[in-house]
Amino acid sequence: MKVESYTYPDSDDVISLPGKISGPLRSQNVLLVFDPGAYRTIIKTSLTDALGYQAGAESKKVATSSVIGKEYGYTLKLQKLSILGFAFADIEVASFDLPEKYAIDGLIGLDLLKKFEILWRHKDRFLEFRLL
């Protein structure tokens, strides 16, 4: 069973995990917020567009509610999403317009987090992911 650990910086307002997304045009290193409160993994639309993804016939329109109101996006399948040392091929995510002011590329939601047993010691700024 594969295990990866990560110590996040003390200065972070949110916990961001390093990752990489591969698309039809190119691959890019990303920072994704660890968000167990999000039901689905979300990648910002400007990034999915830049990597060469488009809403296709298999895409579904989706909506989510947040503190700023109801937001609309669509689903798409990423060729590959890597987080820490784990790689997931053909994984469905949602693409939404995320505010640029937050300087994040997306959120890792419960749809992906449920694939792990996670040890979280906030006092030590430590996360350990064990793939189930």
C-alpha atoms as a PDB file:
ATOM      1  CA  MET A   1       0.000   0.000   0.000  1.00  0.00           C
ATOM      2  CA  LYS A   2       1.531   3.290  -1.123  1.00  0.00           C
ATOM      3  CA  VAL A   3       2.009   6.029   1.468  1.00  0.00           C
ATOM      4  CA  GLU A   4       3.089   9.635   0.894  1.00  0.00           C
ATOM      5  CA  SER A   5       3.530  12.363   3.494  1.00  0.00           C
ATOM      6  CA  TYR A   6       3.596  16.120   3.157  1.00  0.00           C
ATOM      7  CA  THR A   7       4.513  18.891   5.585  1.00  0.00           C
ATOM      8  CA  TYR A   8       2.832  22.124   4.592  1.00  0.00           C
ATOM      9  CA  PRO A   9       4.352  25.558   5.269  1.00  0.00           C
ATOM     10  CA  ASP A  10       3.478  27.371   8.476  1.00  0.00           C
ATOM     11  CA  SER A  11       2.660  30.535   6.542  1.00  0.00           C
ATOM     12  CA  ASP A  12      -0.092  28.989   4.409  1.00  0.00           C
ATOM     13  CA  ASP A  13      -3.622  30.313   4.927  1.00  0.00           C
ATOM     14  CA  VAL A  14      -4.904  27.182   3.195  1.00  0.00           C
ATOM     15  CA  ILE A  15      -3.313  23.783   2.725  1.00  0.00           C
ATOM     16  CA  SER A  16      -2.149  23.514  -0.879  1.00  0.00           C
ATOM     17  CA  LEU A  17      -0.702  20.299  -2.266  1.00  0.00           C
ATOM     18  CA  PRO A  18       1.687  20.186  -5.217  1.00  0.00           C
ATOM     19  CA  GLY A  19       0.526  18.293  -8.255  1.00  0.00           C
ATOM     20  CA  LYS A  20       0.647  18.064 -12.016  1.00  0.00           C
ATOM     21  CA  ILE A  21      -2.075  17.938 -14.658  1.00  0.00           C
ATOM     22  CA  SER A  22      -1.462  16.496 -18.118  1.00  0.00           C
ATOM     23  CA  GLY A  23      -3.618  17.691 -20.985  1.00  0.00           C
ATOM     24  CA  PRO A  24      -3.912  17.368 -24.752  1.00  0.00           C
ATOM     25  CA  LEU A  25      -1.537  20.318 -25.322  1.00  0.00           C
ATOM     26  CA  ARG A  26       0.873  20.149 -22.390  1.00  0.00           C
ATOM     27  CA  SER A  27       1.399  19.375 -18.717  1.00  0.00           C
ATOM     28  CA  GLN A  28       1.613  21.871 -15.889  1.00  0.00           C
ATOM     29  CA  ASN A  29       2.620  21.833 -12.244  1.00  0.00           C
ATOM     30  CA  VAL A  30      -0.254  22.975 -10.043  1.00  0.00           C
ATOM     31  CA  LEU A  31      -1.183  23.847  -6.466  1.00  0.00           C
ATOM     32  CA  LEU A  32      -4.458  22.286  -5.341  1.00  0.00           C
ATOM     33  CA  VAL A  33      -6.183  23.145  -2.072  1.00  0.00           C
ATOM     34  CA  PHE A  34      -6.821  20.216   0.283  1.00  0.00           C
ATOM     35  CA  ASP A  35     -10.573  20.716   0.774  1.00  0.00           C
ATOM     36  CA  PRO A  36     -12.484  17.912   2.532  1.00  0.00           C
ATOM     37  CA  GLY A  37     -15.515  20.232   2.523  1.00  0.00           C
ATOM     38  CA  ALA A  38     -15.740  20.155  -1.275  1.00  0.00           C
ATOM     39  CA  TYR A  39     -17.760  17.238  -2.626  1.00  0.00           C
ATOM     40  CA  ARG A  40     -15.891  17.224  -5.947  1.00  0.00           C
ATOM     41  CA  THR A  41     -12.422  18.015  -7.260  1.00  0.00           C
ATOM     42  CA  ILE A  42     -12.450  21.326  -9.124  1.00  0.00           C
ATOM     43  CA  ILE A  43      -9.896  22.726 -11.560  1.00  0.00           C
ATOM     44  CA  LYS A  44     -10.107  26.338 -12.715  1.00  0.00           C
ATOM     45  CA  THR A  45     -11.394  26.813 -16.245  1.00  0.00           C
ATOM     46  CA  SER A  46      -8.542  29.066 -17.382  1.00  0.00           C
ATOM     47  CA  LEU A  47      -6.120  26.220 -16.598  1.00  0.00           C
ATOM     48  CA  THR A  48      -8.139  23.457 -18.250  1.00  0.00           C
ATOM     49  CA  ASP A  49      -8.477  25.681 -21.336  1.00  0.00           C
ATOM     50  CA  ALA A  50      -4.709  26.348 -21.412  1.00  0.00           C
ATOM     51  CA  LEU A  51      -3.983  22.601 -21.189  1.00  0.00           C
ATOM     52  CA  GLY A  52      -6.220  21.970 -24.206  1.00  0.00           C
ATOM     53  CA  TYR A  53      -9.371  20.644 -22.579  1.00  0.00           C
ATOM     54  CA  GLN A  54     -12.827  21.584 -23.846  1.00  0.00           C
ATOM     55  CA  ALA A  55     -16.329  20.718 -22.771  1.00  0.00           C
ATOM     56  CA  GLY A  56     -17.288  17.778 -24.970  1.00  0.00           C
ATOM     57  CA  ALA A  57     -20.269  15.522 -25.570  1.00  0.00           C
ATOM     58  CA  GLU A  58     -19.451  13.544 -22.420  1.00  0.00           C
ATOM     59  CA  SER A  59     -19.337  16.713 -20.281  1.00  0.00           C
ATOM     60  CA  LYS A  60     -22.181  17.496 -17.904  1.00  0.00           C
ATOM     61  CA  LYS A  61     -23.194  20.931 -16.714  1.00  0.00           C
ATOM     62  CA  VAL A  62     -22.801  21.205 -12.949  1.00  0.00           C
ATOM     63  CA  ALA A  63     -23.621  23.831 -10.350  1.00  0.00           C
ATOM     64  CA  THR A  64     -22.366  24.431  -6.851  1.00  0.00           C
ATOM     65  CA  SER A  65     -23.335  26.849  -4.106  1.00  0.00           C
ATOM     66  CA  SER A  66     -20.763  28.915  -2.291  1.00  0.00           C
ATOM     67  CA  VAL A  67     -20.667  31.996  -0.108  1.00  0.00           C
ATOM     68  CA  ILE A  68     -20.729  34.143  -3.251  1.00  0.00           C
ATOM     69  CA  GLY A  69     -23.789  32.400  -4.674  1.00  0.00           C
ATOM     70  CA  LYS A  70     -24.500  29.699  -7.218  1.00  0.00           C
ATOM     71  CA  GLU A  71     -21.714  28.974  -9.693  1.00  0.00           C
ATOM     72  CA  TYR A  72     -21.882  26.962 -12.895  1.00  0.00           C
ATOM     73  CA  GLY A  73     -19.290  24.819 -14.625  1.00  0.00           C
ATOM     74  CA  TYR A  74     -18.930  21.501 -16.397  1.00  0.00           C
ATOM     75  CA  THR A  75     -17.281  18.129 -15.934  1.00  0.00           C
ATOM     76  CA  LEU A  76     -14.404  16.775 -17.971  1.00  0.00           C
ATOM     77  CA  LYS A  77     -11.949  13.886 -17.804  1.00  0.00           C
ATOM     78  CA  LEU A  78      -8.312  14.724 -17.219  1.00  0.00           C
ATOM     79  CA  GLN A  79      -5.756  12.564 -19.001  1.00  0.00           C
ATOM     80  CA  LYS A  80      -3.715  12.464 -15.806  1.00  0.00           C
ATOM     81  CA  LEU A  81      -3.768  14.158 -12.416  1.00  0.00           C
ATOM     82  CA  SER A  82      -0.807  13.627 -10.087  1.00  0.00           C
ATOM     83  CA  ILE A  83      -0.799  14.689  -6.447  1.00  0.00           C
ATOM     84  CA  LEU A  84       2.280  14.110  -4.330  1.00  0.00           C
ATOM     85  CA  GLY A  85       3.398  10.658  -5.565  1.00  0.00           C
ATOM     86  CA  PHE A  86      -0.031   9.425  -6.669  1.00  0.00           C
ATOM     87  CA  ALA A  87      -1.223   9.479 -10.285  1.00  0.00           C
ATOM     88  CA  PHE A  88      -4.806   9.108 -11.516  1.00  0.00           C
ATOM     89  CA  ALA A  89      -5.623   8.600 -15.204  1.00  0.00           C
ATOM     90  CA  ASP A  90      -8.927   9.505 -16.867  1.00  0.00           C
ATOM     91  CA  ILE A  91     -10.250  11.128 -13.710  1.00  0.00           C
ATOM     92  CA  GLU A  92     -13.433  13.198 -13.878  1.00  0.00           C
ATOM     93  CA  VAL A  93     -13.252  16.665 -12.353  1.00  0.00           C
ATOM     94  CA  ALA A  94     -15.360  19.798 -12.504  1.00  0.00           C
ATOM     95  CA  SER A  95     -14.134  22.935 -14.224  1.00  0.00           C
ATOM     96  CA  PHE A  96     -15.235  26.259 -12.708  1.00  0.00           C
ATOM     97  CA  ASP A  97     -14.111  29.872 -12.995  1.00  0.00           C
ATOM     98  CA  LEU A  98     -12.214  30.318  -9.734  1.00  0.00           C
ATOM     99  CA  PRO A  99     -11.252  33.845  -8.642  1.00  0.00           C
ATOM    100  CA  GLU A 100      -7.678  34.648  -9.720  1.00  0.00           C
ATOM    101  CA  LYS A 101      -7.046  36.568  -6.479  1.00  0.00           C
ATOM    102  CA  TYR A 102      -6.703  33.284  -4.558  1.00  0.00           C
ATOM    103  CA  ALA A 103      -3.730  32.073  -6.664  1.00  0.00           C
ATOM    104  CA  ILE A 104      -4.872  28.441  -6.635  1.00  0.00           C
ATOM    105  CA  ASP A 105      -5.338  26.058  -9.521  1.00  0.00           C
ATOM    106  CA  GLY A 106      -8.171  24.090  -7.963  1.00  0.00           C
ATOM    107  CA  LEU A 107      -9.489  22.074  -5.032  1.00  0.00           C
ATOM    108  CA  ILE A 108      -9.032  18.426  -4.128  1.00  0.00           C
ATOM    109  CA  GLY A 109     -12.502  17.323  -3.056  1.00  0.00           C
ATOM    110  CA  LEU A 110     -14.043  14.273  -1.412  1.00  0.00           C
ATOM    111  CA  ASP A 111     -14.419  12.414  -4.711  1.00  0.00           C
ATOM    112  CA  LEU A 112     -10.620  12.039  -4.747  1.00  0.00           C
ATOM    113  CA  LEU A 113      -9.878  12.224  -1.013  1.00  0.00           C
ATOM    114  CA  LYS A 114     -12.109   9.193  -0.311  1.00  0.00           C
ATOM    115  CA  LYS A 115      -9.549   7.057  -2.170  1.00  0.00           C
ATOM    116  CA  PHE A 116      -7.185   7.589   0.776  1.00  0.00           C
ATOM    117  CA  GLU A 117      -6.860   7.008   4.468  1.00  0.00           C
ATOM    118  CA  ILE A 118      -5.563  10.375   5.659  1.00  0.00           C
ATOM    119  CA  LEU A 119      -3.664  11.195   8.831  1.00  0.00           C
ATOM    120  CA  TRP A 120      -3.769  14.926   9.545  1.00  0.00           C
ATOM    121  CA  ARG A 121      -1.755  16.482  12.390  1.00  0.00           C
ATOM    122  CA  HIS A 122      -2.377  20.194  12.022  1.00  0.00           C
ATOM    123  CA  LYS A 123      -0.224  21.060  15.026  1.00  0.00           C
ATOM    124  CA  ASP A 124       2.737  19.584  13.119  1.00  0.00           C
ATOM    125  CA  ARG A 125       1.456  20.840   9.714  1.00  0.00           C
ATOM    126  CA  PHE A 126       1.589  17.222   8.548  1.00  0.00           C
ATOM    127  CA  LEU A 127      -0.542  15.128   6.187  1.00  0.00           C
ATOM    128  CA  GLU A 128      -0.067  11.457   5.382  1.00  0.00           C
ATOM    129  CA  PHE A 129      -1.951   9.821   2.508  1.00  0.00           C
ATOM    130  CA  ARG A 130      -2.362   6.047   2.301  1.00  0.00           C
ATOM    131  CA  LEU A 131      -3.993   4.839  -0.916  1.00  0.00           C
ATOM    132  CA  LEU A 132      -6.863   2.456  -0.154  1.00  0.00           C
END
